[in-house]
Amino acid sequence: MRILLADDHSLFRGGMRYLLQQLSGELEMLEANNFLDCLKLAGQYPDLDLVLLDLHMPGSDGAKSVSYFHQRYPHIPVVVISGEEGCANMEKTLDYGASGFISKSSNEQTMLAALKIVLSGGVYVPPELLRYHATDAGHTDRRSLHTNAYGLTPRQMEVLRHLCAGMSNKEIAQAMHLAEGTVKIHAAAVYQTLKVSSRLEAVRVAEHLSLFGVLHG
């Protein structure tokens, strides 16, 4: 496993090095202390399994740096690890292409669990962002919080229906006129409610419950 950690604080990189070793006994960790070096290393090692990116380091443009990296290396999953914990900023990074957002104040267990989700192909959405998004939706349309017998809101059911149709997050965002980051949040809420950890498991549960009739594919 090869992971690139881009952060300008050497003490934080040292702590993360210890934590990441718990993910794999054969971990190769690359380090960058500025955004330009992060891009160069990603170009030199196109087989990276994961990039951990700080939003505030030399050469970075905050959340927009996620978009720039994702455009150049769309096949490499990026997880933002930041001390900036505002929910709006979290959602923005997901919309720009991040596969997860982890607060630097998170404990070791939370970080490891989040990274395992992303390494398995999923998206990690912080619980506080899920709560914030549900509350924010309630301010604009209280009906959006009404859930069905399975605990899913109408918007979450719509996202699940598109997932079952095999649509990507980008395609779902276009179909529902939402930001891609918002789709990721709804999908994460669906997984949490259905007690699954992946898109495939969610589709299987939907099929088992016959939520959308007979599914094809």
N, C-alpha and C. Protein backbone atom coordinates (compact mmCIF):
# COMPACT_ATOMS: atom_id res chain seq x y z
N MET A 1 0.84 -1.19 0.00
CA MET A 1 0.00 0.00 0.00
C MET A 1 0.88 1.25 0.00
N ARG A 2 0.54 2.22 -0.84
CA ARG A 2 1.33 3.45 -0.95
C ARG A 2 0.42 4.66 -0.72
N ILE A 3 0.75 5.45 0.29
CA ILE A 3 -0.06 6.61 0.67
C ILE A 3 0.81 7.86 0.67
N LEU A 4 0.27 8.93 0.13
CA LEU A 4 0.96 10.22 0.13
C LEU A 4 0.29 11.14 1.15
N LEU A 5 1.08 11.66 2.09
CA LEU A 5 0.59 12.60 3.09
C LEU A 5 1.17 13.97 2.79
N ALA A 6 0.31 14.93 2.52
CA ALA A 6 0.73 16.30 2.22
C ALA A 6 0.29 17.23 3.34
N ASP A 7 1.25 17.65 4.16
CA ASP A 7 0.98 18.52 5.29
C ASP A 7 2.28 19.21 5.66
N ASP A 8 2.21 20.49 6.01
CA ASP A 8 3.44 21.23 6.27
C ASP A 8 3.90 21.17 7.73
N HIS A 9 3.22 20.38 8.56
CA HIS A 9 3.63 20.25 9.96
C HIS A 9 4.30 18.89 10.16
N SER A 10 5.61 18.90 10.42
CA SER A 10 6.37 17.65 10.54
C SER A 10 5.90 16.80 11.71
N LEU A 11 5.49 17.43 12.82
CA LEU A 11 5.02 16.65 13.96
C LEU A 11 3.74 15.90 13.62
N PHE A 12 2.85 16.55 12.87
CA PHE A 12 1.61 15.88 12.47
C PHE A 12 1.92 14.72 11.52
N ARG A 13 2.83 14.93 10.59
CA ARG A 13 3.20 13.85 9.67
C ARG A 13 3.77 12.66 10.44
N GLY A 14 4.56 12.96 11.49
CA GLY A 14 5.13 11.88 12.28
C GLY A 14 4.05 11.07 12.99
N GLY A 15 3.06 11.76 13.54
CA GLY A 15 1.97 11.06 14.20
C GLY A 15 1.14 10.25 13.22
N MET A 16 0.89 10.80 12.04
CA MET A 16 0.13 10.09 11.03
C MET A 16 0.90 8.88 10.50
N ARG A 17 2.21 9.00 10.44
CA ARG A 17 3.02 7.88 9.97
C ARG A 17 2.80 6.66 10.88
N TYR A 18 2.78 6.90 12.18
CA TYR A 18 2.55 5.82 13.14
C TYR A 18 1.15 5.24 12.96
N LEU A 19 0.15 6.11 12.79
CA LEU A 19 -1.23 5.65 12.65
C LEU A 19 -1.43 4.86 11.37
N LEU A 20 -0.87 5.34 10.28
CA LEU A 20 -1.08 4.70 8.98
C LEU A 20 -0.44 3.32 8.92
N GLN A 21 0.59 3.09 9.70
CA GLN A 21 1.23 1.78 9.73
C GLN A 21 0.27 0.70 10.23
N GLN A 22 -0.79 1.13 10.92
CA GLN A 22 -1.77 0.17 11.40
C GLN A 22 -2.72 -0.30 10.29
N LEU A 23 -2.68 0.38 9.15
CA LEU A 23 -3.53 0.00 8.03
C LEU A 23 -2.96 -1.18 7.25
N SER A 24 -1.64 -1.22 7.19
CA SER A 24 -1.00 -2.27 6.40
C SER A 24 0.41 -2.52 6.89
N GLY A 25 0.81 -3.78 6.92
CA GLY A 25 2.16 -4.11 7.32
C GLY A 25 3.18 -3.78 6.25
N GLU A 26 2.71 -3.51 5.04
CA GLU A 26 3.60 -3.18 3.92
C GLU A 26 3.27 -1.79 3.38
N LEU A 27 3.27 -0.83 4.28
CA LEU A 27 2.92 0.54 3.91
C LEU A 27 4.15 1.31 3.46
N GLU A 28 4.03 1.98 2.32
CA GLU A 28 5.04 2.93 1.88
C GLU A 28 4.41 4.31 1.94
N MET A 29 4.97 5.16 2.78
CA MET A 29 4.39 6.49 2.97
C MET A 29 5.29 7.55 2.35
N LEU A 30 4.71 8.33 1.45
CA LEU A 30 5.40 9.46 0.84
C LEU A 30 4.94 10.73 1.53
N GLU A 31 5.83 11.72 1.60
CA GLU A 31 5.48 12.95 2.31
C GLU A 31 5.79 14.18 1.47
N ALA A 32 4.92 15.18 1.61
CA ALA A 32 5.12 16.47 0.96
C ALA A 32 4.73 17.55 1.96
N ASN A 33 5.49 18.65 1.96
CA ASN A 33 5.15 19.73 2.90
C ASN A 33 4.61 20.96 2.18
N ASN A 34 4.28 20.80 0.89
CA ASN A 34 3.62 21.87 0.14
C ASN A 34 2.83 21.25 -1.01
N PHE A 35 1.92 22.02 -1.56
CA PHE A 35 1.00 21.47 -2.56
C PHE A 35 1.70 21.14 -3.87
N LEU A 36 2.68 21.93 -4.25
CA LEU A 36 3.39 21.68 -5.51
C LEU A 36 4.10 20.33 -5.45
N ASP A 37 4.78 20.05 -4.35
CA ASP A 37 5.46 18.76 -4.20
C ASP A 37 4.46 17.61 -4.16
N CYS A 38 3.29 17.87 -3.60
CA CYS A 38 2.23 16.86 -3.58
C CYS A 38 1.84 16.48 -5.01
N LEU A 39 1.67 17.47 -5.87
CA LEU A 39 1.32 17.21 -7.27
C LEU A 39 2.44 16.47 -7.99
N LYS A 40 3.69 16.86 -7.72
CA LYS A 40 4.82 16.21 -8.38
C LYS A 40 4.91 14.74 -7.99
N LEU A 41 4.74 14.45 -6.70
CA LEU A 41 4.82 13.06 -6.23
C LEU A 41 3.69 12.22 -6.80
N ALA A 42 2.50 12.82 -6.91
CA ALA A 42 1.37 12.09 -7.48
C ALA A 42 1.64 11.73 -8.93
N GLY A 43 2.35 12.62 -9.63
CA GLY A 43 2.70 12.34 -11.01
C GLY A 43 3.76 11.26 -11.13
N GLN A 44 4.67 11.22 -10.16
CA GLN A 44 5.74 10.22 -10.17
C GLN A 44 5.26 8.85 -9.72
N TYR A 45 4.20 8.84 -8.91
CA TYR A 45 3.67 7.57 -8.38
C TYR A 45 2.17 7.47 -8.70
N PRO A 46 1.83 7.18 -9.95
CA PRO A 46 0.42 7.13 -10.36
C PRO A 46 -0.36 5.97 -9.73
N ASP A 47 0.36 5.05 -9.07
CA ASP A 47 -0.31 3.91 -8.45
C ASP A 47 -0.64 4.16 -6.98
N LEU A 48 -0.63 5.42 -6.56
CA LEU A 48 -0.96 5.75 -5.17
C LEU A 48 -2.33 5.19 -4.79
N ASP A 49 -2.42 4.63 -3.60
CA ASP A 49 -3.70 4.12 -3.11
C ASP A 49 -4.54 5.23 -2.48
N LEU A 50 -3.86 6.27 -2.00
CA LEU A 50 -4.58 7.33 -1.28
C LEU A 50 -3.68 8.54 -1.11
N VAL A 51 -4.31 9.72 -1.14
CA VAL A 51 -3.62 10.97 -0.82
C VAL A 51 -4.35 11.63 0.34
N LEU A 52 -3.60 11.99 1.36
CA LEU A 52 -4.14 12.72 2.50
C LEU A 52 -3.67 14.16 2.37
N LEU A 53 -4.62 15.07 2.29
CA LEU A 53 -4.30 16.44 1.90
C LEU A 53 -4.75 17.45 2.95
N ASP A 54 -3.79 18.28 3.38
CA ASP A 54 -4.11 19.41 4.26
C ASP A 54 -4.52 20.59 3.38
N LEU A 55 -5.52 21.34 3.82
CA LEU A 55 -6.01 22.44 3.00
C LEU A 55 -5.16 23.70 3.10
N HIS A 56 -4.40 23.82 4.18
CA HIS A 56 -3.66 25.06 4.42
C HIS A 56 -2.18 24.77 4.57
N MET A 57 -1.49 24.77 3.45
CA MET A 57 -0.04 24.61 3.42
C MET A 57 0.47 25.41 2.24
N PRO A 58 1.76 25.67 2.17
CA PRO A 58 2.29 26.48 1.06
C PRO A 58 1.86 25.95 -0.31
N GLY A 59 1.38 26.86 -1.15
CA GLY A 59 0.97 26.51 -2.50
C GLY A 59 -0.47 26.06 -2.63
N SER A 60 -1.15 25.86 -1.50
CA SER A 60 -2.53 25.39 -1.53
C SER A 60 -3.51 26.56 -1.62
N ASP A 61 -4.64 26.29 -2.26
CA ASP A 61 -5.70 27.30 -2.37
C ASP A 61 -6.95 26.82 -1.63
N GLY A 62 -6.73 26.24 -0.46
CA GLY A 62 -7.85 25.76 0.34
C GLY A 62 -8.59 24.63 -0.35
N ALA A 63 -9.90 24.64 -0.23
CA ALA A 63 -10.73 23.57 -0.80
C ALA A 63 -10.57 23.45 -2.31
N LYS A 64 -10.25 24.55 -2.99
CA LYS A 64 -10.10 24.51 -4.44
C LYS A 64 -8.93 23.61 -4.86
N SER A 65 -7.98 23.42 -3.96
CA SER A 65 -6.85 22.55 -4.28
C SER A 65 -7.30 21.12 -4.50
N VAL A 66 -8.36 20.72 -3.82
CA VAL A 66 -8.92 19.38 -4.00
C VAL A 66 -9.39 19.22 -5.44
N SER A 67 -10.08 20.24 -5.94
CA SER A 67 -10.58 20.21 -7.31
C SER A 67 -9.43 20.13 -8.31
N TYR A 68 -8.39 20.92 -8.05
CA TYR A 68 -7.24 20.93 -8.97
C TYR A 68 -6.56 19.57 -8.98
N PHE A 69 -6.36 18.98 -7.82
CA PHE A 69 -5.73 17.67 -7.75
C PHE A 69 -6.61 16.62 -8.43
N HIS A 70 -7.92 16.67 -8.16
CA HIS A 70 -8.85 15.68 -8.70
C HIS A 70 -8.90 15.76 -10.23
N GLN A 71 -8.79 16.96 -10.78
CA GLN A 71 -8.81 17.11 -12.23
C GLN A 71 -7.56 16.49 -12.87
N ARG A 72 -6.43 16.61 -12.20
CA ARG A 72 -5.17 16.08 -12.75
C ARG A 72 -5.04 14.58 -12.51
N TYR A 73 -5.52 14.11 -11.36
CA TYR A 73 -5.37 12.69 -11.01
C TYR A 73 -6.70 12.14 -10.51
N PRO A 74 -7.69 12.02 -11.38
CA PRO A 74 -9.03 11.60 -10.95
C PRO A 74 -9.09 10.18 -10.42
N HIS A 75 -8.07 9.36 -10.73
CA HIS A 75 -8.08 7.96 -10.30
C HIS A 75 -7.54 7.78 -8.89
N ILE A 76 -6.96 8.83 -8.31
CA ILE A 76 -6.38 8.73 -6.96
C ILE A 76 -7.35 9.33 -5.94
N PRO A 77 -7.84 8.54 -4.99
CA PRO A 77 -8.76 9.07 -3.98
C PRO A 77 -8.04 10.06 -3.04
N VAL A 78 -8.72 11.13 -2.73
CA VAL A 78 -8.17 12.18 -1.87
C VAL A 78 -9.04 12.31 -0.62
N VAL A 79 -8.38 12.30 0.53
CA VAL A 79 -9.06 12.56 1.79
C VAL A 79 -8.46 13.81 2.39
N VAL A 80 -9.30 14.77 2.72
CA VAL A 80 -8.84 15.99 3.35
C VAL A 80 -8.73 15.75 4.86
N ILE A 81 -7.58 16.10 5.42
CA ILE A 81 -7.40 16.07 6.87
C ILE A 81 -7.07 17.49 7.28
N SER A 82 -7.98 18.11 8.00
CA SER A 82 -7.85 19.55 8.25
C SER A 82 -8.30 19.93 9.65
N GLY A 83 -7.73 21.02 10.13
CA GLY A 83 -8.13 21.56 11.41
C GLY A 83 -9.32 22.51 11.26
N GLU A 84 -9.67 22.82 10.02
CA GLU A 84 -10.83 23.69 9.73
C GLU A 84 -12.08 22.83 9.66
N GLU A 85 -12.94 22.93 10.67
CA GLU A 85 -14.01 21.96 10.84
C GLU A 85 -15.40 22.46 10.44
N GLY A 86 -15.50 23.62 9.81
CA GLY A 86 -16.81 24.12 9.42
C GLY A 86 -17.51 23.20 8.43
N CYS A 87 -18.80 22.96 8.66
CA CYS A 87 -19.55 22.03 7.81
C CYS A 87 -19.61 22.49 6.36
N ALA A 88 -19.70 23.80 6.15
CA ALA A 88 -19.76 24.31 4.78
C ALA A 88 -18.47 23.97 4.04
N ASN A 89 -17.34 24.07 4.75
CA ASN A 89 -16.06 23.76 4.13
C ASN A 89 -15.93 22.26 3.86
N MET A 90 -16.44 21.44 4.78
CA MET A 90 -16.44 19.99 4.57
C MET A 90 -17.20 19.63 3.31
N GLU A 91 -18.39 20.20 3.17
CA GLU A 91 -19.23 19.88 2.02
C GLU A 91 -18.59 20.37 0.72
N LYS A 92 -17.91 21.51 0.79
CA LYS A 92 -17.26 22.05 -0.40
C LYS A 92 -16.16 21.11 -0.89
N THR A 93 -15.38 20.54 0.04
CA THR A 93 -14.31 19.63 -0.37
C THR A 93 -14.89 18.37 -1.02
N LEU A 94 -16.01 17.88 -0.50
CA LEU A 94 -16.64 16.71 -1.11
C LEU A 94 -17.14 17.04 -2.51
N ASP A 95 -17.67 18.24 -2.67
CA ASP A 95 -18.17 18.66 -3.98
C ASP A 95 -17.02 18.81 -4.98
N TYR A 96 -15.85 19.17 -4.49
CA TYR A 96 -14.68 19.33 -5.36
C TYR A 96 -14.02 18.01 -5.70
N GLY A 97 -14.52 16.90 -5.15
CA GLY A 97 -13.99 15.60 -5.53
C GLY A 97 -13.34 14.78 -4.43
N ALA A 98 -13.31 15.30 -3.20
CA ALA A 98 -12.71 14.54 -2.10
C ALA A 98 -13.55 13.29 -1.80
N SER A 99 -12.87 12.24 -1.37
CA SER A 99 -13.55 11.00 -0.98
C SER A 99 -13.80 10.95 0.52
N GLY A 100 -13.43 12.02 1.20
CA GLY A 100 -13.67 12.06 2.63
C GLY A 100 -13.08 13.31 3.25
N PHE A 101 -13.55 13.62 4.44
CA PHE A 101 -13.03 14.75 5.21
C PHE A 101 -12.88 14.29 6.64
N ILE A 102 -11.66 14.39 7.17
CA ILE A 102 -11.39 13.97 8.55
C ILE A 102 -10.83 15.16 9.31
N SER A 103 -11.44 15.46 10.43
CA SER A 103 -10.94 16.55 11.26
C SER A 103 -9.68 16.10 11.99
N LYS A 104 -8.73 17.01 12.12
CA LYS A 104 -7.49 16.70 12.82
C LYS A 104 -7.73 16.45 14.31
N SER A 105 -8.89 16.84 14.81
CA SER A 105 -9.21 16.59 16.21
C SER A 105 -9.83 15.20 16.42
N SER A 106 -10.03 14.44 15.34
CA SER A 106 -10.61 13.10 15.45
C SER A 106 -9.65 12.17 16.19
N ASN A 107 -10.22 11.18 16.87
CA ASN A 107 -9.37 10.22 17.56
C ASN A 107 -8.84 9.17 16.58
N GLU A 108 -7.93 8.36 17.07
CA GLU A 108 -7.27 7.38 16.22
C GLU A 108 -8.24 6.40 15.60
N GLN A 109 -9.22 5.93 16.39
CA GLN A 109 -10.17 4.94 15.89
C GLN A 109 -11.02 5.51 14.76
N THR A 110 -11.45 6.77 14.92
CA THR A 110 -12.26 7.42 13.89
C THR A 110 -11.46 7.57 12.60
N MET A 111 -10.22 8.00 12.72
CA MET A 111 -9.39 8.19 11.52
C MET A 111 -9.17 6.87 10.78
N LEU A 112 -8.85 5.82 11.53
CA LEU A 112 -8.60 4.52 10.90
C LEU A 112 -9.85 4.00 10.22
N ALA A 113 -11.00 4.12 10.90
CA ALA A 113 -12.26 3.65 10.32
C ALA A 113 -12.59 4.42 9.04
N ALA A 114 -12.38 5.73 9.07
CA ALA A 114 -12.66 6.56 7.90
C ALA A 114 -11.76 6.19 6.73
N LEU A 115 -10.48 5.99 6.99
CA LEU A 115 -9.54 5.65 5.92
C LEU A 115 -9.84 4.28 5.34
N LYS A 116 -10.28 3.35 6.16
CA LYS A 116 -10.63 2.01 5.66
C LYS A 116 -11.83 2.09 4.72
N ILE A 117 -12.77 2.97 5.04
CA ILE A 117 -13.94 3.15 4.18
C ILE A 117 -13.50 3.64 2.79
N VAL A 118 -12.63 4.62 2.78
CA VAL A 118 -12.18 5.19 1.51
C VAL A 118 -11.32 4.20 0.73
N LEU A 119 -10.44 3.49 1.42
CA LEU A 119 -9.58 2.52 0.75
C LEU A 119 -10.37 1.36 0.16
N SER A 120 -11.57 1.13 0.71
CA SER A 120 -12.43 0.06 0.17
C SER A 120 -13.32 0.57 -0.95
N GLY A 121 -13.13 1.85 -1.33
CA GLY A 121 -13.88 2.41 -2.45
C GLY A 121 -15.05 3.28 -2.07
N GLY A 122 -15.22 3.52 -0.77
CA GLY A 122 -16.35 4.32 -0.31
C GLY A 122 -16.00 5.78 -0.10
N VAL A 123 -16.95 6.52 0.44
CA VAL A 123 -16.78 7.94 0.76
C VAL A 123 -17.07 8.12 2.25
N TYR A 124 -16.17 8.81 2.95
CA TYR A 124 -16.39 9.05 4.38
C TYR A 124 -16.93 10.46 4.58
N VAL A 125 -18.12 10.54 5.16
CA VAL A 125 -18.74 11.82 5.50
C VAL A 125 -18.81 11.93 7.01
N PRO A 126 -18.24 12.96 7.62
CA PRO A 126 -18.26 13.10 9.07
C PRO A 126 -19.69 13.14 9.62
N PRO A 127 -19.93 12.51 10.76
CA PRO A 127 -21.27 12.49 11.36
C PRO A 127 -21.84 13.89 11.57
N GLU A 128 -20.99 14.84 11.95
CA GLU A 128 -21.47 16.20 12.19
C GLU A 128 -22.00 16.85 10.92
N LEU A 129 -21.44 16.46 9.77
CA LEU A 129 -21.93 17.00 8.50
C LEU A 129 -23.28 16.39 8.15
N LEU A 130 -23.46 15.11 8.44
CA LEU A 130 -24.75 14.48 8.22
C LEU A 130 -25.83 15.14 9.07
N ARG A 131 -25.50 15.41 10.33
CA ARG A 131 -26.46 16.07 11.24
C ARG A 131 -26.75 17.49 10.77
N TYR A 132 -25.71 18.20 10.40
CA TYR A 132 -25.89 19.58 9.94
C TYR A 132 -26.77 19.63 8.70
N HIS A 133 -26.53 18.72 7.78
CA HIS A 133 -27.27 18.73 6.52
C HIS A 133 -28.74 18.42 6.75
N ALA A 134 -29.02 17.49 7.66
CA ALA A 134 -30.41 17.14 7.97
C ALA A 134 -31.12 18.33 8.60
N THR A 135 -30.44 19.01 9.52
CA THR A 135 -31.04 20.17 10.18
C THR A 135 -31.25 21.31 9.20
N ASP A 136 -30.26 21.53 8.34
CA ASP A 136 -30.36 22.60 7.36
C ASP A 136 -31.51 22.34 6.39
N ALA A 137 -31.68 21.08 6.00
CA ALA A 137 -32.79 20.75 5.10
C ALA A 137 -34.12 21.01 5.78
N GLY A 138 -34.16 20.75 7.08
CA GLY A 138 -35.40 20.96 7.81
C GLY A 138 -35.79 22.42 7.88
N HIS A 139 -34.80 23.32 7.85
CA HIS A 139 -35.09 24.74 7.89
C HIS A 139 -35.80 25.19 6.61
N THR A 140 -35.46 24.56 5.49
CA THR A 140 -36.02 25.00 4.22
C THR A 140 -37.30 24.24 3.85
N ASP A 141 -37.37 23.00 4.27
CA ASP A 141 -38.55 22.20 3.93
C ASP A 141 -38.71 21.09 4.96
N ARG A 142 -39.57 21.31 5.94
CA ARG A 142 -39.73 20.35 7.03
C ARG A 142 -40.17 18.98 6.50
N ARG A 143 -40.86 18.94 5.38
CA ARG A 143 -41.32 17.67 4.82
C ARG A 143 -40.15 16.78 4.42
N SER A 144 -39.01 17.40 4.14
CA SER A 144 -37.87 16.61 3.70
C SER A 144 -37.32 15.72 4.79
N LEU A 145 -37.73 15.98 6.06
CA LEU A 145 -37.25 15.17 7.16
C LEU A 145 -38.17 13.99 7.44
N HIS A 146 -39.34 13.94 6.81
CA HIS A 146 -40.26 12.83 7.02
C HIS A 146 -39.65 11.56 6.45
N THR A 147 -39.67 10.50 7.22
CA THR A 147 -39.06 9.25 6.77
C THR A 147 -40.12 8.18 6.53
N ASN A 148 -39.76 7.21 5.70
CA ASN A 148 -40.67 6.10 5.43
C ASN A 148 -40.44 5.00 6.46
N ALA A 149 -41.01 3.84 6.21
CA ALA A 149 -40.91 2.74 7.17
C ALA A 149 -39.48 2.26 7.36
N TYR A 150 -38.60 2.60 6.42
CA TYR A 150 -37.21 2.15 6.51
C TYR A 150 -36.29 3.25 7.04
N GLY A 151 -36.87 4.38 7.42
CA GLY A 151 -36.09 5.47 7.98
C GLY A 151 -35.46 6.39 6.96
N LEU A 152 -35.87 6.30 5.70
CA LEU A 152 -35.29 7.11 4.64
C LEU A 152 -36.21 8.27 4.26
N THR A 153 -35.63 9.44 4.05
CA THR A 153 -36.40 10.59 3.61
C THR A 153 -36.68 10.46 2.11
N PRO A 154 -37.62 11.24 1.58
CA PRO A 154 -37.89 11.20 0.14
C PRO A 154 -36.64 11.48 -0.70
N ARG A 155 -35.81 12.43 -0.27
CA ARG A 155 -34.61 12.75 -1.03
C ARG A 155 -33.62 11.58 -1.00
N GLN A 156 -33.50 10.95 0.15
CA GLN A 156 -32.61 9.78 0.26
C GLN A 156 -33.11 8.62 -0.58
N MET A 157 -34.43 8.45 -0.64
CA MET A 157 -35.00 7.40 -1.48
C MET A 157 -34.69 7.66 -2.95
N GLU A 158 -34.74 8.92 -3.34
CA GLU A 158 -34.46 9.27 -4.73
C GLU A 158 -33.00 8.97 -5.07
N VAL A 159 -32.10 9.30 -4.14
CA VAL A 159 -30.69 9.00 -4.35
C VAL A 159 -30.48 7.49 -4.44
N LEU A 160 -31.12 6.74 -3.56
CA LEU A 160 -31.00 5.29 -3.56
C LEU A 160 -31.52 4.70 -4.87
N ARG A 161 -32.62 5.24 -5.37
CA ARG A 161 -33.18 4.75 -6.64
C ARG A 161 -32.17 4.94 -7.77
N HIS A 162 -31.50 6.08 -7.79
CA HIS A 162 -30.49 6.32 -8.82
C HIS A 162 -29.27 5.41 -8.62
N LEU A 163 -28.92 5.14 -7.37
CA LEU A 163 -27.81 4.23 -7.10
C LEU A 163 -28.14 2.84 -7.65
N CYS A 164 -29.37 2.43 -7.44
CA CYS A 164 -29.81 1.12 -7.92
C CYS A 164 -29.81 1.05 -9.44
N ALA A 165 -29.95 2.21 -10.08
CA ALA A 165 -29.93 2.27 -11.55
C ALA A 165 -28.51 2.29 -12.09
N GLY A 166 -27.54 2.26 -11.18
CA GLY A 166 -26.14 2.21 -11.60
C GLY A 166 -25.53 3.56 -11.94
N MET A 167 -26.18 4.65 -11.52
CA MET A 167 -25.67 5.97 -11.84
C MET A 167 -24.54 6.37 -10.91
N SER A 168 -23.58 7.12 -11.43
CA SER A 168 -22.48 7.63 -10.61
C SER A 168 -22.96 8.84 -9.81
N ASN A 169 -22.16 9.25 -8.83
CA ASN A 169 -22.54 10.43 -8.05
C ASN A 169 -22.70 11.66 -8.93
N LYS A 170 -21.83 11.78 -9.93
CA LYS A 170 -21.91 12.93 -10.83
C LYS A 170 -23.19 12.89 -11.64
N GLU A 171 -23.57 11.72 -12.11
CA GLU A 171 -24.81 11.58 -12.88
C GLU A 171 -26.03 11.85 -12.01
N ILE A 172 -25.99 11.38 -10.77
CA ILE A 172 -27.10 11.62 -9.84
C ILE A 172 -27.23 13.11 -9.57
N ALA A 173 -26.09 13.77 -9.38
CA ALA A 173 -26.10 15.21 -9.12
C ALA A 173 -26.75 15.97 -10.28
N GLN A 174 -26.44 15.56 -11.50
CA GLN A 174 -27.02 16.22 -12.66
C GLN A 174 -28.52 15.95 -12.76
N ALA A 175 -28.91 14.71 -12.46
CA ALA A 175 -30.32 14.35 -12.56
C ALA A 175 -31.17 15.04 -11.50
N MET A 176 -30.59 15.24 -10.31
CA MET A 176 -31.34 15.81 -9.20
C MET A 176 -31.07 17.31 -9.02
N HIS A 177 -30.22 17.86 -9.88
CA HIS A 177 -29.87 19.29 -9.80
C HIS A 177 -29.28 19.63 -8.43
N LEU A 178 -28.33 18.80 -8.01
CA LEU A 178 -27.66 18.99 -6.73
C LEU A 178 -26.15 19.07 -6.96
N ALA A 179 -25.44 19.58 -5.97
CA ALA A 179 -23.98 19.52 -6.01
C ALA A 179 -23.56 18.08 -5.74
N GLU A 180 -22.45 17.68 -6.33
CA GLU A 180 -22.00 16.30 -6.15
C GLU A 180 -21.70 16.01 -4.69
N GLY A 181 -21.19 17.01 -3.97
CA GLY A 181 -20.93 16.82 -2.55
C GLY A 181 -22.20 16.53 -1.77
N THR A 182 -23.31 17.17 -2.16
CA THR A 182 -24.59 16.93 -1.50
C THR A 182 -25.07 15.51 -1.75
N VAL A 183 -24.85 15.01 -2.96
CA VAL A 183 -25.22 13.63 -3.27
C VAL A 183 -24.43 12.66 -2.39
N LYS A 184 -23.14 12.93 -2.21
CA LYS A 184 -22.32 12.08 -1.36
C LYS A 184 -22.86 12.05 0.06
N ILE A 185 -23.33 13.19 0.54
CA ILE A 185 -23.87 13.25 1.90
C ILE A 185 -25.16 12.45 2.00
N HIS A 186 -26.04 12.59 1.02
CA HIS A 186 -27.29 11.81 1.02
C HIS A 186 -26.99 10.33 0.94
N ALA A 187 -26.03 9.95 0.09
CA ALA A 187 -25.68 8.54 -0.04
C ALA A 187 -25.13 7.99 1.27
N ALA A 188 -24.30 8.78 1.94
CA ALA A 188 -23.74 8.36 3.22
C ALA A 188 -24.86 8.16 4.25
N ALA A 189 -25.86 9.05 4.21
CA ALA A 189 -26.98 8.92 5.13
C ALA A 189 -27.78 7.65 4.84
N VAL A 190 -27.92 7.32 3.56
CA VAL A 190 -28.61 6.09 3.16
C VAL A 190 -27.87 4.88 3.71
N TYR A 191 -26.56 4.86 3.53
CA TYR A 191 -25.76 3.73 4.03
C TYR A 191 -25.90 3.58 5.54
N GLN A 192 -25.87 4.73 6.21
CA GLN A 192 -25.97 4.71 7.68
C GLN A 192 -27.32 4.16 8.11
N THR A 193 -28.39 4.61 7.46
CA THR A 193 -29.73 4.18 7.83
C THR A 193 -29.94 2.70 7.53
N LEU A 194 -29.45 2.24 6.40
CA LEU A 194 -29.61 0.84 6.01
C LEU A 194 -28.58 -0.08 6.66
N LYS A 195 -27.64 0.56 7.40
CA LYS A 195 -26.58 -0.20 8.10
C LYS A 195 -25.72 -1.00 7.11
N VAL A 196 -25.31 -0.32 6.05
CA VAL A 196 -24.41 -0.92 5.06
C VAL A 196 -23.20 0.00 4.92
N SER A 197 -22.18 -0.49 4.23
CA SER A 197 -20.95 0.30 4.10
C SER A 197 -20.54 0.55 2.66
N SER A 198 -21.38 0.12 1.72
CA SER A 198 -21.00 0.33 0.32
C SER A 198 -22.24 0.46 -0.56
N ARG A 199 -22.02 0.94 -1.76
CA ARG A 199 -23.08 1.10 -2.76
C ARG A 199 -23.69 -0.26 -3.10
N LEU A 200 -22.84 -1.28 -3.28
CA LEU A 200 -23.32 -2.61 -3.64
C LEU A 200 -24.23 -3.17 -2.55
N GLU A 201 -23.83 -3.00 -1.30
CA GLU A 201 -24.66 -3.49 -0.20
C GLU A 201 -25.99 -2.76 -0.13
N ALA A 202 -25.97 -1.45 -0.39
CA ALA A 202 -27.21 -0.67 -0.38
C ALA A 202 -28.17 -1.16 -1.46
N VAL A 203 -27.63 -1.44 -2.64
CA VAL A 203 -28.45 -1.95 -3.75
C VAL A 203 -29.04 -3.31 -3.38
N ARG A 204 -28.25 -4.15 -2.76
CA ARG A 204 -28.74 -5.47 -2.36
C ARG A 204 -29.86 -5.37 -1.34
N VAL A 205 -29.72 -4.45 -0.38
CA VAL A 205 -30.77 -4.26 0.62
C VAL A 205 -32.04 -3.73 -0.05
N ALA A 206 -31.87 -2.78 -0.96
CA ALA A 206 -33.03 -2.22 -1.67
C ALA A 206 -33.75 -3.32 -2.46
N GLU A 207 -32.97 -4.21 -3.06
CA GLU A 207 -33.55 -5.31 -3.81
C GLU A 207 -34.27 -6.28 -2.88
N HIS A 208 -33.65 -6.58 -1.75
CA HIS A 208 -34.25 -7.50 -0.77
C HIS A 208 -35.58 -6.96 -0.24
N LEU A 209 -35.62 -5.64 -0.04
CA LEU A 209 -36.83 -5.01 0.48
C LEU A 209 -37.83 -4.66 -0.61
N SER A 210 -37.44 -4.88 -1.87
CA SER A 210 -38.30 -4.55 -3.03
C SER A 210 -38.72 -3.09 -3.00
N LEU A 211 -37.77 -2.21 -2.71
CA LEU A 211 -38.08 -0.79 -2.61
C LEU A 211 -38.47 -0.19 -3.94
N PHE A 212 -37.93 -0.72 -5.04
CA PHE A 212 -38.20 -0.14 -6.36
C PHE A 212 -38.65 -1.21 -7.34
N GLY A 213 -39.30 -2.23 -6.84
CA GLY A 213 -39.73 -3.31 -7.71
C GLY A 213 -38.56 -4.19 -8.08
N VAL A 214 -38.56 -4.75 -9.27
CA VAL A 214 -37.51 -5.63 -9.73
C VAL A 214 -36.37 -4.80 -10.29
N LEU A 215 -35.16 -5.03 -9.75
CA LEU A 215 -33.99 -4.30 -10.21
C LEU A 215 -33.25 -5.09 -11.26
N HIS A 216 -32.72 -4.39 -12.24
CA HIS A 216 -32.01 -5.07 -13.32
C HIS A 216 -30.55 -4.65 -13.26
N GLY A 217 -29.66 -5.45 -13.82
CA GLY A 217 -28.27 -5.07 -13.91
C GLY A 217 -27.39 -6.06 -13.18
